């Protein structure tokens, strides 16, 4: 097996993650009870990583923004990033809408059908006071109520400075980091010692992540074993068509849309995917793009992107550039309309797309966030029973892997594109850096 270093193949992280995923699937199929008991391994790993995300994002954004010095350049990069995010995200929404209307995966699942009754019963169970360890549709709709526009904006402002770090809300951490960075820029020379300190503290947190990420195979093993044991591979039924459609659409989006953007900027999407394969497998194993965020930051800087661009584009993209979530939301919403025999006119589908453009900004790289934003989107579309969300509960864990992976790839491409537009690196140098041997930082 070819490698980028002299490290034995069995010590390479992505190889270990692959073996862990395969072993997890096997355990889930052959010994389902054991697979369910391994759930804490996956949950524990994700909790450890999430514990480190807030301080890493804070240090990265503050150092990246404050290092610019020229606020005009900062504003230029920010505007370019937001325009890029909105254009590409809208393309993802439109593609999802077109594909689901063409495939019609929900056709034939009627309100009197078995799946729909199960969805209603799962929701009624929690409202009647019964307890259950399995998430129900209402548990997500309750969370979605807080995702209206006013609450979303107010939620960006933390209740206290440290509150953002305690809650782990990525947008709140971004808000504080940008304020601190602007303050440091205004201080001029007096702010430089603090900037140096933040850079050193950030290096410490990345060092901790270097240790934590070694546990990725264990986390992937536990997550996959539980997923297969709890939901099974043979119980997907008519939902399989939706899953296949979503995976295919996401793959086409990455290779054609993002691939076309990469080609226009002078590099190959496939070389980029090979470059970040370790992080992609980590995302696949944990169903969370946040677990690979530190590794993405390091690799973007290795390719030649400036710290300021990486520090601004990558963290912001995790909240505003969610291509996989966008594809999922439009496909899932129309699927539920088809499954419940709820006709949607062209006007209603366009309205759905516009609403999804807003609600998708509330999702992050956390597992299940896409399901919450879907609930928020459905609340704005009259006619689709919110209880029908129960139809997707059984397969959401499988689909969240594809959502997270597509989001992750999209943010990496966005960083390179913005860096190219800023003239930080040319296509020749970028392709040379793709071929350089990688050390084992993360």
Protein backbone atom coordinates (compact mmCIF):
# COMPACT_ATOMS: atom_id res chain seq x y z
CA UNK A 1 0.00 0.00 0.00
CA UNK A 2 1.58 3.30 -1.03
CA UNK A 3 2.02 5.94 1.67
CA UNK A 4 3.24 9.51 1.87
CA UNK A 5 5.81 8.72 4.53
CA UNK A 6 8.10 5.95 5.80
CA UNK A 7 5.60 5.07 8.52
CA UNK A 8 4.46 1.40 8.41
CA UNK A 9 1.06 1.14 6.76
CA UNK A 10 -0.62 -0.29 9.87
CA UNK A 11 0.34 2.82 11.86
CA UNK A 12 -1.22 5.27 9.39
CA UNK A 13 -4.35 6.83 10.88
CA UNK A 14 -6.66 6.48 7.88
CA UNK A 15 -5.76 2.78 7.56
CA UNK A 16 -6.59 2.25 11.23
CA UNK A 17 -9.91 4.08 10.81
CA UNK A 18 -10.83 1.92 7.79
CA UNK A 19 -10.18 -1.27 9.76
CA UNK A 20 -12.12 0.12 12.72
CA UNK A 21 -15.14 0.98 10.55
CA UNK A 22 -15.18 -2.46 8.92
CA UNK A 23 -14.80 -4.15 12.30
CA UNK A 24 -17.58 -1.98 13.73
CA UNK A 25 -19.95 -2.95 10.93
CA UNK A 26 -19.11 -6.64 11.46
CA UNK A 27 -19.73 -6.42 15.20
CA UNK A 28 -23.02 -4.61 14.63
CA UNK A 29 -24.22 -7.36 12.27
CA UNK A 30 -22.89 -10.44 14.09
CA UNK A 31 -23.22 -9.34 17.73
CA UNK A 32 -25.82 -6.53 17.83
CA UNK A 33 -26.07 -6.44 21.63
CA UNK A 34 -22.32 -5.99 21.90
CA UNK A 35 -22.49 -3.34 19.18
CA UNK A 36 -25.04 -1.34 21.17
CA UNK A 37 -22.85 -1.50 24.24
CA UNK A 38 -19.97 0.06 22.28
CA UNK A 39 -21.92 3.29 21.76
CA UNK A 40 -20.03 5.14 24.56
CA UNK A 41 -16.78 4.76 22.61
CA UNK A 42 -18.12 6.84 19.73
CA UNK A 43 -19.94 9.32 21.96
CA UNK A 44 -16.91 9.75 24.20
CA UNK A 45 -14.56 10.46 21.30
CA UNK A 46 -16.89 13.07 19.82
CA UNK A 47 -17.30 14.74 23.23
CA UNK A 48 -13.53 14.98 23.66
CA UNK A 49 -13.14 16.54 20.21
CA UNK A 50 -16.02 18.97 20.77
CA UNK A 51 -14.36 19.98 24.04
CA UNK A 52 -11.39 21.25 22.02
CA UNK A 53 -13.25 22.88 19.12
CA UNK A 54 -14.23 26.17 20.83
CA UNK A 55 -10.72 27.17 22.01
CA UNK A 56 -9.14 26.07 18.72
CA UNK A 57 -11.65 28.11 16.70
CA UNK A 58 -11.16 31.11 18.99
CA UNK A 59 -7.38 31.08 18.69
CA UNK A 60 -7.47 30.41 14.94
CA UNK A 61 -9.95 33.19 14.15
CA UNK A 62 -8.38 35.78 16.47
CA UNK A 63 -4.88 35.12 15.16
CA UNK A 64 -6.01 34.92 11.54
CA UNK A 65 -8.09 38.11 11.58
CA UNK A 66 -5.77 40.16 13.80
CA UNK A 67 -2.75 39.17 11.69
CA UNK A 68 -4.28 40.82 8.63
CA UNK A 69 -3.84 44.30 10.06
CA UNK A 70 -5.52 45.81 7.01
CA UNK A 71 -9.25 45.77 7.70
CA UNK A 72 -9.95 46.45 4.03
CA UNK A 73 -8.38 43.12 3.09
CA UNK A 74 -10.32 41.43 5.89
CA UNK A 75 -13.56 42.89 4.59
CA UNK A 76 -12.69 41.85 1.05
CA UNK A 77 -12.03 38.25 2.08
CA UNK A 78 -15.18 38.17 4.18
CA UNK A 79 -17.40 39.47 1.38
CA UNK A 80 -15.88 37.06 -1.15
CA UNK A 81 -16.41 34.19 1.27
CA UNK A 82 -20.06 35.02 1.95
CA UNK A 83 -20.82 35.45 -1.77
CA UNK A 84 -19.14 32.12 -2.55
CA UNK A 85 -20.97 30.38 0.31
CA UNK A 86 -24.36 31.66 -0.78
CA UNK A 87 -23.92 30.85 -4.47
CA UNK A 88 -22.62 27.31 -3.91
CA UNK A 89 -25.12 26.57 -1.12
CA UNK A 90 -27.99 27.70 -3.34
CA UNK A 91 -26.72 25.42 -6.11
CA UNK A 92 -26.76 22.53 -3.63
CA UNK A 93 -30.36 23.31 -2.65
CA UNK A 94 -31.49 23.51 -6.27
CA UNK A 95 -29.73 20.26 -7.21
CA UNK A 96 -31.35 18.45 -4.28
CA UNK A 97 -34.76 19.79 -5.33
CA UNK A 98 -34.33 18.70 -8.95
CA UNK A 99 -33.09 15.20 -8.08
CA UNK A 100 -35.82 14.39 -5.54
CA UNK A 101 -38.51 15.49 -7.98
CA UNK A 102 -36.99 13.26 -10.63
CA UNK A 103 -36.47 10.16 -8.46
CA UNK A 104 -39.67 10.57 -6.38
CA UNK A 105 -38.41 8.24 -3.63
CA UNK A 106 -41.42 8.95 -1.39
CA UNK A 107 -44.02 7.93 -3.94
CA UNK A 108 -46.10 4.99 -2.77
CA UNK A 109 -45.69 5.57 0.97
CA UNK A 110 -49.21 6.60 1.92
CA UNK A 111 -50.56 8.05 5.19
CA UNK A 112 -52.18 4.69 5.86
CA UNK A 113 -48.94 2.82 5.37
CA UNK A 114 -46.89 1.07 7.99
CA UNK A 115 -44.01 3.57 8.05
CA UNK A 116 -46.30 6.55 8.49
CA UNK A 117 -48.20 4.90 11.35
CA UNK A 118 -44.90 4.13 13.06
CA UNK A 119 -43.93 7.79 12.78
CA UNK A 120 -47.20 8.93 14.39
CA UNK A 121 -46.88 6.33 17.15
CA UNK A 122 -43.28 7.29 17.91
CA UNK A 123 -44.34 10.90 18.34
CA UNK A 124 -47.43 10.03 20.38
CA UNK A 125 -45.29 7.93 22.72
CA UNK A 126 -43.36 10.87 24.06
CA UNK A 127 -46.35 13.20 24.22
CA UNK A 128 -48.27 10.64 26.28
CA UNK A 129 -45.58 10.65 28.94
CA UNK A 130 -43.83 7.40 28.03
CA UNK A 131 -40.08 7.34 28.10
CA UNK A 132 -37.87 6.07 25.32
CA UNK A 133 -34.16 5.91 24.66
CA UNK A 134 -34.76 6.39 20.92
CA UNK A 135 -35.12 9.95 19.58
CA UNK A 136 -38.59 10.79 18.29
CA UNK A 137 -39.79 13.36 15.81
CA UNK A 138 -41.09 15.69 18.50
CA UNK A 139 -37.68 15.78 20.21
CA UNK A 140 -36.33 17.44 17.07
CA UNK A 141 -39.32 19.71 16.44
CA UNK A 142 -38.96 21.11 19.95
CA UNK A 143 -35.38 22.08 19.18
CA UNK A 144 -36.43 23.52 15.83
CA UNK A 145 -38.79 26.03 17.46
CA UNK A 146 -35.76 28.02 18.55
CA UNK A 147 -34.52 28.32 14.97
CA UNK A 148 -36.79 31.18 13.87
CA UNK A 149 -34.96 34.20 12.47
CA UNK A 150 -35.10 36.40 15.58
CA UNK A 151 -34.01 33.64 17.96
CA UNK A 152 -31.28 32.60 15.57
CA UNK A 153 -29.79 36.11 15.51
CA UNK A 154 -30.10 36.59 19.27
CA UNK A 155 -28.53 33.20 19.88
CA UNK A 156 -25.34 34.41 18.20
CA UNK A 157 -24.81 36.69 21.22
CA UNK A 158 -23.71 34.63 24.25
CA UNK A 159 -25.01 35.40 27.73
CA UNK A 160 -21.42 35.85 28.91
CA UNK A 161 -17.93 35.84 27.45
CA UNK A 162 -17.19 32.39 28.79
CA UNK A 163 -20.73 31.19 28.09
CA UNK A 164 -19.91 30.63 24.42
CA UNK A 165 -17.06 28.28 25.34
CA UNK A 166 -19.18 26.44 27.90
CA UNK A 167 -22.11 25.88 25.51
CA UNK A 168 -19.86 25.07 22.55
CA UNK A 169 -22.01 27.18 20.18
CA UNK A 170 -19.76 27.74 17.16
CA UNK A 171 -21.43 30.99 16.03
CA UNK A 172 -21.10 32.47 19.52
CA UNK A 173 -17.40 31.60 19.60
CA UNK A 174 -16.98 33.19 16.17
CA UNK A 175 -18.79 36.33 17.36
CA UNK A 176 -16.49 36.74 20.37
CA UNK A 177 -13.36 35.88 18.38
CA UNK A 178 -14.09 38.52 15.73
CA UNK A 179 -14.74 41.18 18.39
CA UNK A 180 -11.47 40.34 20.14
CA UNK A 181 -9.59 40.33 16.82
CA UNK A 182 -10.96 43.77 15.87
CA UNK A 183 -9.98 45.09 19.30
CA UNK A 184 -6.43 43.78 18.87
CA UNK A 185 -6.15 45.37 15.43
CA UNK A 186 -7.21 48.72 16.88
CA UNK A 187 -4.55 48.42 19.60
CA UNK A 188 -1.77 48.24 17.00
CA UNK A 189 1.65 47.51 18.49
CA UNK A 190 0.20 47.05 21.99
CA UNK A 191 -1.85 44.10 20.74
CA UNK A 192 1.08 42.17 19.24
CA UNK A 193 2.27 40.53 22.49
CA UNK A 194 -1.26 39.24 23.08
CA UNK A 195 -1.41 38.02 19.47
CA UNK A 196 1.82 36.09 20.01
CA UNK A 197 0.41 34.57 23.20
CA UNK A 198 -2.79 33.49 21.43
CA UNK A 199 -0.71 31.87 18.68
CA UNK A 200 1.25 29.90 21.30
CA UNK A 201 -1.91 28.90 23.17
CA UNK A 202 -3.42 27.75 19.87
CA UNK A 203 -0.36 25.59 19.26
CA UNK A 204 -0.97 23.92 22.63
CA UNK A 205 -4.58 23.13 21.76
CA UNK A 206 -3.53 21.70 18.40
CA UNK A 207 -1.01 19.58 20.28
CA UNK A 208 -3.80 18.23 22.46
CA UNK A 209 -5.82 17.44 19.33
CA UNK A 210 -2.79 15.62 17.93
CA UNK A 211 -3.03 13.31 20.94
CA UNK A 212 -6.83 13.01 20.88
CA UNK A 213 -7.06 12.20 17.18
CA UNK A 214 -5.03 9.04 17.77
CA UNK A 215 -8.18 7.69 19.43
CA UNK A 216 -10.16 8.12 16.20
CA UNK A 217 -10.18 4.39 15.32
CA UNK A 218 -11.70 3.56 18.71
CA UNK A 219 -14.36 6.24 18.26
CA UNK A 220 -15.15 5.07 14.73
CA UNK A 221 -15.41 1.46 15.91
CA UNK A 222 -17.92 2.32 18.62
CA UNK A 223 -19.98 4.65 16.44
CA UNK A 224 -20.30 2.22 13.52
CA UNK A 225 -20.95 -0.83 15.71
CA UNK A 226 -23.81 0.96 17.48
CA UNK A 227 -25.26 2.41 14.27
CA UNK A 228 -25.47 -0.95 12.51
CA UNK A 229 -26.66 -2.78 15.66
CA UNK A 230 -29.36 -0.23 16.49
CA UNK A 231 -30.73 0.41 13.00
CA UNK A 232 -29.61 -2.62 11.02
CA UNK A 233 -28.78 -2.89 7.35
CA UNK A 234 -31.83 -4.87 6.31
CA UNK A 235 -34.55 -2.73 7.89
CA UNK A 236 -34.28 0.28 5.66
CA UNK A 237 -37.00 -0.88 3.27
CA UNK A 238 -38.41 1.78 0.97
CA UNK A 239 -36.14 4.41 2.52
CA UNK A 240 -33.14 2.87 0.77
CA UNK A 241 -34.03 4.65 -2.47
CA UNK A 242 -33.89 8.03 -0.72
CA UNK A 243 -30.52 7.14 0.81
CA UNK A 244 -29.06 6.04 -2.52
CA UNK A 245 -30.42 9.16 -4.20
CA UNK A 246 -28.90 11.38 -1.55
CA UNK A 247 -25.49 9.68 -1.69
CA UNK A 248 -25.49 9.80 -5.48
CA UNK A 249 -26.53 13.46 -5.54
CA UNK A 250 -23.84 14.40 -3.04
CA UNK A 251 -21.21 12.50 -5.05
CA UNK A 252 -22.26 14.26 -8.25
CA UNK A 253 -22.23 17.62 -6.48
CA UNK A 254 -18.67 17.04 -5.25
CA UNK A 255 -17.31 15.75 -8.56
CA UNK A 256 -19.20 18.03 -10.97
CA UNK A 257 -19.99 21.29 -9.13
CA UNK A 258 -17.06 21.43 -6.71
CA UNK A 259 -14.87 19.63 -9.27
CA UNK A 260 -15.72 22.28 -11.87
CA UNK A 261 -14.86 25.05 -9.42
CA UNK A 262 -11.55 23.37 -8.63
CA UNK A 263 -10.77 22.93 -12.32
CA UNK A 264 -11.48 26.61 -12.93
CA UNK A 265 -9.03 27.47 -10.14
CA UNK A 266 -6.32 25.25 -11.59
CA UNK A 267 -6.34 22.06 -9.53
CA UNK A 268 -8.06 18.68 -9.45
CA UNK A 269 -10.79 17.81 -6.96
CA UNK A 270 -9.49 14.24 -6.89
CA UNK A 271 -5.98 15.32 -5.87
CA UNK A 272 -7.54 17.40 -3.13
CA UNK A 273 -9.66 14.49 -1.92
CA UNK A 274 -6.57 12.28 -1.81
CA UNK A 275 -4.79 14.99 0.17
CA UNK A 276 -7.48 15.10 2.90
CA UNK A 277 -8.32 11.39 2.93
CA UNK A 278 -7.32 10.97 6.59
CA UNK A 279 -9.74 13.67 7.68
CA UNK A 280 -12.49 12.37 5.38
CA UNK A 281 -12.32 8.92 6.95
CA UNK A 282 -12.45 10.51 10.39
CA UNK A 283 -15.61 12.37 9.38
CA UNK A 284 -17.08 9.20 7.89
CA UNK A 285 -16.41 7.22 11.05
CA UNK A 286 -17.86 9.80 13.45
CA UNK A 287 -20.56 11.43 11.26
CA UNK A 288 -19.32 14.84 12.41
CA UNK A 289 -17.25 17.23 10.31
CA UNK A 290 -16.10 19.04 13.46
CA UNK A 291 -13.86 16.11 14.43
CA UNK A 292 -11.62 16.82 11.43
CA UNK A 293 -11.68 20.63 11.64
CA UNK A 294 -8.24 21.03 13.27
CA UNK A 295 -6.67 18.75 10.68
CA UNK A 296 -8.29 20.71 7.85
CA UNK A 297 -6.90 23.99 9.20
CA UNK A 298 -3.38 22.59 9.35
CA UNK A 299 -3.53 21.07 5.86
CA UNK A 300 -4.93 24.24 4.26
CA UNK A 301 -1.98 26.20 5.68
CA UNK A 302 0.42 23.53 4.39
CA UNK A 303 -0.96 24.05 0.88
CA UNK A 304 0.00 27.73 1.04
CA UNK A 305 -3.20 29.41 2.21
CA UNK A 306 -2.48 32.28 4.61
CA UNK A 307 -3.38 31.97 8.27
CA UNK A 308 -5.74 34.91 7.94
CA UNK A 309 -7.71 33.34 5.10
CA UNK A 310 -7.85 29.93 6.76
CA UNK A 311 -8.76 31.50 10.10
CA UNK A 312 -11.71 33.32 8.55
CA UNK A 313 -13.00 30.99 5.82
CA UNK A 314 -12.85 27.56 7.53
CA UNK A 315 -14.68 28.40 10.79
CA UNK A 316 -17.22 30.61 9.02
CA UNK A 317 -17.85 27.91 6.45
CA UNK A 318 -18.80 25.48 9.19
CA UNK A 319 -21.90 27.61 9.81
CA UNK A 320 -22.57 29.19 6.41
CA UNK A 321 -21.30 26.72 3.81
CA UNK A 322 -23.14 23.46 4.44
CA UNK A 323 -23.55 21.92 1.00
CA UNK A 324 -24.40 18.42 2.21
CA UNK A 325 -26.99 19.72 4.68
CA UNK A 326 -28.60 21.82 1.93
CA UNK A 327 -28.92 18.86 -0.43
CA UNK A 328 -30.35 16.75 2.39
CA UNK A 329 -32.94 19.31 3.49
CA UNK A 330 -34.55 19.84 0.10
CA UNK A 331 -34.52 16.12 -0.75
CA UNK A 332 -35.85 15.09 2.67
CA UNK A 333 -38.58 17.76 2.77
CA UNK A 334 -39.93 16.87 -0.68
CA UNK A 335 -39.60 13.17 0.15
CA UNK A 336 -41.85 13.65 3.19
CA UNK A 337 -44.32 15.58 1.05
CA UNK A 338 -44.40 12.68 -1.41
CA UNK A 339 -44.66 10.12 1.40
CA UNK A 340 -47.64 11.90 2.98
CA UNK A 341 -49.36 12.63 -0.34
CA UNK A 342 -48.92 16.37 0.20
CA UNK A 343 -48.82 18.07 -3.21
CA UNK A 344 -46.32 20.91 -3.50
CA UNK A 345 -46.68 23.52 -6.23
CA UNK A 346 -43.66 25.09 -7.91
CA UNK A 347 -44.25 28.22 -5.81
CA UNK A 348 -44.28 26.20 -2.60
CA UNK A 349 -41.08 24.39 -3.56
CA UNK A 350 -39.36 27.71 -4.32
CA UNK A 351 -40.57 28.98 -0.93
CA UNK A 352 -39.18 25.81 0.63
CA UNK A 353 -35.84 26.51 -1.03
CA UNK A 354 -35.77 30.10 0.27
CA UNK A 355 -36.62 29.00 3.81
CA UNK A 356 -33.95 26.28 3.66
CA UNK A 357 -31.39 28.93 2.66
CA UNK A 358 -32.01 30.58 6.05
CA UNK A 359 -32.51 27.58 8.32
CA UNK A 360 -29.44 25.78 6.97
CA UNK A 361 -27.29 28.54 8.47
CA UNK A 362 -28.26 27.28 11.90
CA UNK A 363 -26.71 23.85 11.39
CA UNK A 364 -23.17 23.04 12.38
CA UNK A 365 -20.84 20.06 12.08
CA UNK A 366 -22.53 18.25 14.97
CA UNK A 367 -24.27 14.93 14.35
CA UNK A 368 -28.05 15.43 14.02
CA UNK A 369 -27.97 19.19 13.45
CA UNK A 370 -29.23 18.70 9.89
CA UNK A 371 -32.29 16.90 11.26
CA UNK A 372 -33.11 19.83 13.54
CA UNK A 373 -32.87 22.33 10.69
CA UNK A 374 -35.10 20.08 8.59
CA UNK A 375 -37.71 20.26 11.34
CA UNK A 376 -37.44 24.05 11.32
CA UNK A 377 -37.88 24.10 7.54
CA UNK A 378 -40.97 21.86 7.63
CA UNK A 379 -42.64 24.15 10.16
CA UNK A 380 -42.71 26.88 7.52
CA UNK A 381 -44.33 24.65 4.86
CA UNK A 382 -48.07 24.21 5.47
CA UNK A 383 -49.50 20.79 4.71
CA UNK A 384 -46.54 18.51 5.46
CA UNK A 385 -47.26 16.84 8.84
CA UNK A 386 -44.37 17.55 11.18
CA UNK A 387 -44.90 14.08 12.65
CA UNK A 388 -43.75 12.59 9.36
CA UNK A 389 -40.19 13.33 10.46
CA UNK A 390 -40.40 9.97 12.22
CA UNK A 391 -40.05 8.34 8.83
CA UNK A 392 -36.44 9.48 8.65
CA UNK A 393 -35.32 8.68 12.18
CA UNK A 394 -34.15 5.18 11.31
CA UNK A 395 -31.85 6.28 8.50
CA UNK A 396 -30.76 9.71 9.67
CA UNK A 397 -27.57 8.34 11.22
CA UNK A 398 -26.59 6.83 7.87
CA UNK A 399 -27.41 10.04 5.99
CA UNK A 400 -25.60 12.25 8.52
CA UNK A 401 -22.32 10.66 7.45
CA UNK A 402 -22.81 11.83 3.88
CA UNK A 403 -24.00 15.27 5.04
CA UNK A 404 -20.92 15.77 7.18
CA UNK A 405 -18.54 14.49 4.51
CA UNK A 406 -19.98 16.77 1.80
CA UNK A 407 -19.93 19.77 4.16
CA UNK A 408 -16.31 19.05 5.03
CA UNK A 409 -15.14 18.77 1.41
CA UNK A 410 -17.05 21.92 0.48
CA UNK A 411 -15.33 23.95 3.18
CA UNK A 412 -11.91 22.75 2.11
CA UNK A 413 -12.58 23.70 -1.51
CA UNK A 414 -13.96 27.09 -0.44
CA UNK A 415 -10.76 27.87 1.47
CA UNK A 416 -8.56 27.06 -1.52
CA UNK A 417 -10.79 29.03 -3.90
CA UNK A 418 -10.78 32.16 -1.73
CA UNK A 419 -7.01 31.84 -1.24
CA UNK A 420 -6.55 31.59 -5.01
CA UNK A 421 -8.74 34.65 -5.57
CA UNK A 422 -6.63 36.56 -3.07
CA UNK A 423 -3.47 35.64 -4.99
CA UNK A 424 -1.92 33.89 -2.00
CA UNK A 425 -0.97 30.83 -4.02
CA UNK A 426 -0.92 30.02 -7.74
CA UNK A 427 -2.08 26.78 -9.31
CA UNK A 428 1.48 25.56 -10.00
CA UNK A 429 2.56 25.98 -6.39
CA UNK A 430 -0.68 24.45 -5.15
CA UNK A 431 -0.25 21.31 -7.25
CA UNK A 432 3.38 21.03 -6.12
CA UNK A 433 2.25 21.16 -2.49
CA UNK A 434 -0.29 18.40 -3.12
CA UNK A 435 2.60 16.11 -3.94
CA UNK A 436 4.79 16.94 -0.94
CA UNK A 437 5.19 14.24 1.74
CA UNK A 438 2.98 14.72 4.78
CA UNK A 439 4.28 14.63 8.32
CA UNK A 440 2.15 13.18 11.11
CA UNK A 441 0.97 16.38 12.78
CA UNK A 442 -2.65 15.24 12.72
